[in-house]
Structures are given as C-alpha cells and as structure tokens.
Amino acid sequence: MFGGSKLEKSIDRRVLKFIFREIRDMGSREIKSPEDLLETPASLEEDGRSRKKLGMFFIESDNRRTAFGRGYTGGTTPVDIHGKPIADLSKTGGWIAALFIFGNEMAERMAYFGLSVNMVAFMFYVMHRPFSSSSNAVNNFLGISQVSSVFGGFLADAYLGRYWTIAIFTTIYLAGLIGITLSASMKIFVPNQDQCDQLSLLLGSCEPAKPWQMLYLYVVLYLTAFGAAGIRPCVSSFGADQFDERSKDYKILLDRFFNFFYLCVTIGAIVAFTLVVYIQIERGWGAAFGSLAIAMGVSNMLFFAGTPLYRHRLPGGSPLTRVAQVLVAAFKKQHVPFTRSELVGLYELPGRHSAIKGSGKIPHTDDFRCLDKAALQLKEDGGNPSPWRLCTVTQVEEVKILIKLIPIPACTIMLNVILTEFITLSIQQAYTLNTHIGKLKLPVTCMPVFPGLSIFLILCLYYSVFVPVSRRITGHPHGASQLQRVGIGLFISILSVAWGGVFERFRRGYAIKHGYEFSFLTPMPDLSAYWLLIQYCLIGIAEVFSIVGLLEFLYEEAPDAMKSIGSAYAATAGGLGCFAASIINSIVKSVTRNPENKQQSWLSQNINNAKFDYFYWLLTVLSIINFCFFLYSAHRYKYRTEQTFEAWETKQNILAEDS
C-alpha cells in the first residue's frame, strides 16, 4: 500500500538470480558514451522505442555495487578531513564515531526543546508578553530553525562538507544560547518585576518589556535558530556516512542508526522537559538557559574530539546551480523532438565516473520526460557543450529525484502542525489541571516530557516487539518499509488529535460546571492532568514511526551529492509545520472572534471560555485529508531500487528484441 512491498517480494522470488548474473557478467563494462552508440534514435521508427533505446545505455552505474537490494544509493570513497582517501576504514567510522555525533545532536535537541517549552513561559512571566504573542514568537523561532535547514544543507553539499558545516553552525548556536542566558540573568535586559503578581499578569497591567529589550531577545533567539540550520540537516547524514555502504550488513546498520539517532533526540527532549525545568524552578531562568549553553559547549568539545575518527564525503558543488542548469537546458530544447535527425543521444560522460564530485552515475528513468530534453545531445552542441545547454543524464536524474521526494515530507507538515500545537496548547490545558503524582507536584512545563518517554519506550521495544510482529504480517524483513512507517505514524497522529478534542470538550465542561470559568490559571484539584497522557503518548508513537521512517527514506533516496539537502526536507517540513500552525491560529482567531457580540475566539487566552475542542477537531479533519493525500503519493512512489530493476528489465527486453 505504501510502495516498495511489491518490489521486495519480486526480489525475493525471481530477481535474485538475475541481478547476481548481471553483477557477475558486468566485469569492467562502462556506460557507453554517445560516440559508442551503434545507431541513433533517428534510425528508429517509434518514439517510445527510441526512448527505451536511449535509456538502456545509461542503466549501469559505475562498478560500485553496494549491499544487495539497495541499488545505486551509495556515494564515493570516504575521505579524511584533508580530503584524502582513507587507507584503512577499520580505524575510522562505525558506531564509535557515531557516538561523538550523537552527543552533538542530543545537546542541540536539548536546547531546542528547552527553549521551545520554557521561552513561552519566560516571555509571559518575565517579559510580560501575552500568551498568544509568546506562542507565535516561539512558533516562528521553531519554524525558522527548521526551514533554514535548506541553507545549511546547501552549504554542506556544495562547499563546506557536513563536518565543517556542523562545526561552524554549532559554534553560532552556542553564541546564541550564551546571549539568551545573559538576557535572563541581567536585569538590564528585562522589564521591572516589582508589583507584578499573578493578578497583574492576568490583567496585563505589568510593565511591558521595552522595544530594545525585545529586540535583543529576538536577535539572540533567532541567532540560535540560524545555528540550528547548519546542524539539523547534516548531523543525521554525517552520522550515516560513518558506515560502510559496501558492507553486507549496511541496510541493518543504517536502520538501527536512525533509530538510535532519534533515541538521542528523545533523550535530549526528556532532559529539557525535566532537568532544565527543575533548574528553572530552583535556580531561576538564567541558570536554566545557562545549563543549555553548558551542555552545548560540552557537546561541541566532544564533537571536535572525535575528528580523527570521522569519515567524510567530498562536497559535490552547488546543487542549486545543477538544478538551475537542468531547468534552463530543458527549457531551451523544449521544442526538440526525441526523433530529430540531428539527435546524437542522451548525454553522459564516458567511463565509470560521474561528472558530479561525490556522486556515482544514476540510471535513466522515464519520469518527468520534459526534463530529459536537458540531456538531449544534438550535433550543434559541439564537443564541449555548455552545462547551461547540455546536462548529463545523472544531473537530470538528480533533479527528478528531488522533485519526486517532495510529496512525502510535505505530507508530514500536518504532523508537525499537531506537534507544535500540542507544545503550546496542551501547556495551557495543563495549567487548569491537577499535576500531582501522590505528594509530588509536577511542574506544568514538564508535561511535554511524556511524549518523549513514550518515544523512548517505543524505540527500546522496536526491535524486540514491533519488528517481529509486523514482519509476520507484512513479510518485510524490517517489519515495515520506510513509507509504511510514515503512514502508520500519520494515522496514529489522527487518533491523537481526535482524542485531544474529546478530552478538551470534557475538561471545558467540567470547568464551567464547577465554577472555574474565569479562573484559567487555577488548577482544578479533582481533574488530573494525566488524562493528557493519552494524546501525548499517541503523538509520541506517531513521531517515532513518521519521523524516523522519513529520515531513513530521505537519506537512502536522495542523490549521492545531495544527502544533506535530502535530510533538510524533513527539517523544512517541520519548520513549515510551525509556520502553518501560526497561520492556522491567526485565521481561526480572526474568523471565530466577533467583538460586536462579545464572542471570544476558539483560541482565546481564557481557555475555559475558548473552544479548543473545536480547534482540535478542525486539525483532525485536516489530518484525515492529509493522510489520504499521503496514501495516494506513497502508492505512486517508486523506490530507486525498484526503478533500477525496471531499467535492467527494459534492457533485457530490448536486447532480446534486437537478437
């Protein structure tokens, strides 16, 4: 249902002998250059047959077969930090190198979640900003930190490489955290706190922050967001680079790596929602934000300490330039038919090596045929054509892959909308509920720890429980394909937000019935906050399946020289989810508020008079529509391995017809 399962079954039954025969017979064969073609498409009568004939010459990649079943997703030989090939791979990479990288990601996510949950309260209680504007400011921070990941991925793939991108941006991140710590520690950066009690906060009569104080806070906050832009798209890809793609266990290692990677993300979130909150309560805001800066500084030192162990990939030049060249070249030849007499063939460099540094050759596919015009070589192109007029097949296929990947991460935007809304709205719900566990009172800002705990539990049980059970159902060796896992997560997210609407309707009715209609910061002693655990745990499970499956999917399917940009797709979807949450909030507030009738919006600050349940059900409807679109997109998607097999099959059919 989610793509790929048909391929896997066919490989298990009939493709095995065929592929091994191909690999055995391949020897030192190379992709044929246009000069090697025995006949041109002009001599062929049917356009469809001419396209197949052209395509068959670009089926074989350079002689770098990877672990069986993975097709052509590997890259080039790993190099050291100086760009020289590593003589002995056994002394570098592997799980030891990955551990140093895990530490950096754990600290980054600890800071990210620590800011996301504490900054709303800091702006409300210290900077005296309304809840709504504080939530939107934090949503914008979360969105910028993720959407700007495309910029970080571009720098890594084009010029700096993943290691130096992480090194530079993690330093920027640390500088931003230090700035936030100073903002919370020095009285000059905050408004006067005298005579500002809870009643004054409710009435909005506390002295507001001065414009320059808010400007400083926004500058250091968005500096931190900019630092995350270079870390998030590179860390997962750089960690995956540490494993040898020629190993027979590569697929298993990669699968486990992304699960452990997200486990580190979860641990960072749990620490942010518990220890950092505890420090804030006991030691104040400055100590809380300072602990995030210290953790980031320590992780930076550990990351640099692991430098001798890392395996690197050479940057392949500007991917945006290559994409632009394909679009321009295809536009220039948009009216050139595939059967034109002056046509030489589809252009590709002769030999085993690609024209793109850090990438192997990619076999030709029939998707987006209009882009193939960029690789049509005419006699008038000459012997040294401009890349803005003629591109290689590999370059064209890179663009095709980037386009084909877009719908899948786009479908996770709605999941990220729900995650963003839960971070802010559920905290407002928790303020009205009893957060005691026996005699222990859990701080409201600790409530988001429960999705993290559910994620931690699911990841720990994933290989011992989920994989064996689902393997019996699906027949998939890993329990479920990458797209199936994304789909499972999206479906569970629908259940989560639907339950949120059901419980909120009950909570609001209970508050009105028991006289708490105007006391939205007073907890109701007889209604436990732990009813929120159901939606928290469901969204945590959804996050495990969707985000981990998406990260693995993007890394394997992205072009060799664009792995960081592929990973940035996931972060961009997260950022767009944050922005979409802010936009949806603004629209809902505008549409549902009627000042003339004194009707408050669904998202008014007094949650007991608001209609959060209607809002949750609106998100449920949008999530169902999004899930249907995902099913359609996933059904149409073909894994690169599947397309490679179809190309092999096409070649054999053509050779059989010719003989």
Foldseek 3Di string as FASTA:
>chain_A
DQFDLVVVVCCVPPCVVVVVVCLVPCPQDWQDFLVPDPDALLVPDDQVVNVLVQQLSQLDWFSDDFAPPQPFLAWDAWDAPVRHGDPDLVQFFDPVLLVLLLLLLLLLLLLLLLCLLVQLVCCLQWQVDASLVSLLLSLLLLLLLQQLLLVLLQCQQAPDNLLVLLLVLLVLLLQLLVLLLCCFPDPVLTDDNPPCDPVCSVVSNDDHGDPVSVVSNSVSSNSNSNSSSNSQLRSLLQNLQRDDRRDNCSVVVNLLSLLVSVLSSLVSNLCSLPVLVVCCVVPNDSRSSVVSSVSSVVSSVSNVVSSRRGITFDRFHRLVVLLQLLVQQLVVQQPPRSNDPQWSGFGFDIGNAHPTGGFMAARADCPPVSSSSQRTDGVVCDDDHDSSNHPHRRSSVLNVLVVLLQLQLLLCLLLLLLVSCCSSVLLLVQLAAFQDDVPDRDDSSSVLSLLSVLLNVCSVCVVVPQQVVLCVVSVDNRSDALSVLQLVLLVLLLVLLLLVLVVLVVSLVVCVVVPNLPVSNHYDHVGHSCSNSVSSNSSSSSCSSNVSSQLSQQQSSRGSSSNSSSSSSNSNSSSSSSVVSSVVVVVQQVVQDDVVVPGGGQDDSRVSSHNVSVVSVVSSVVSVVSSVSSSVSSVPDHGSSRSSVVSVVSSVVVVVVVD
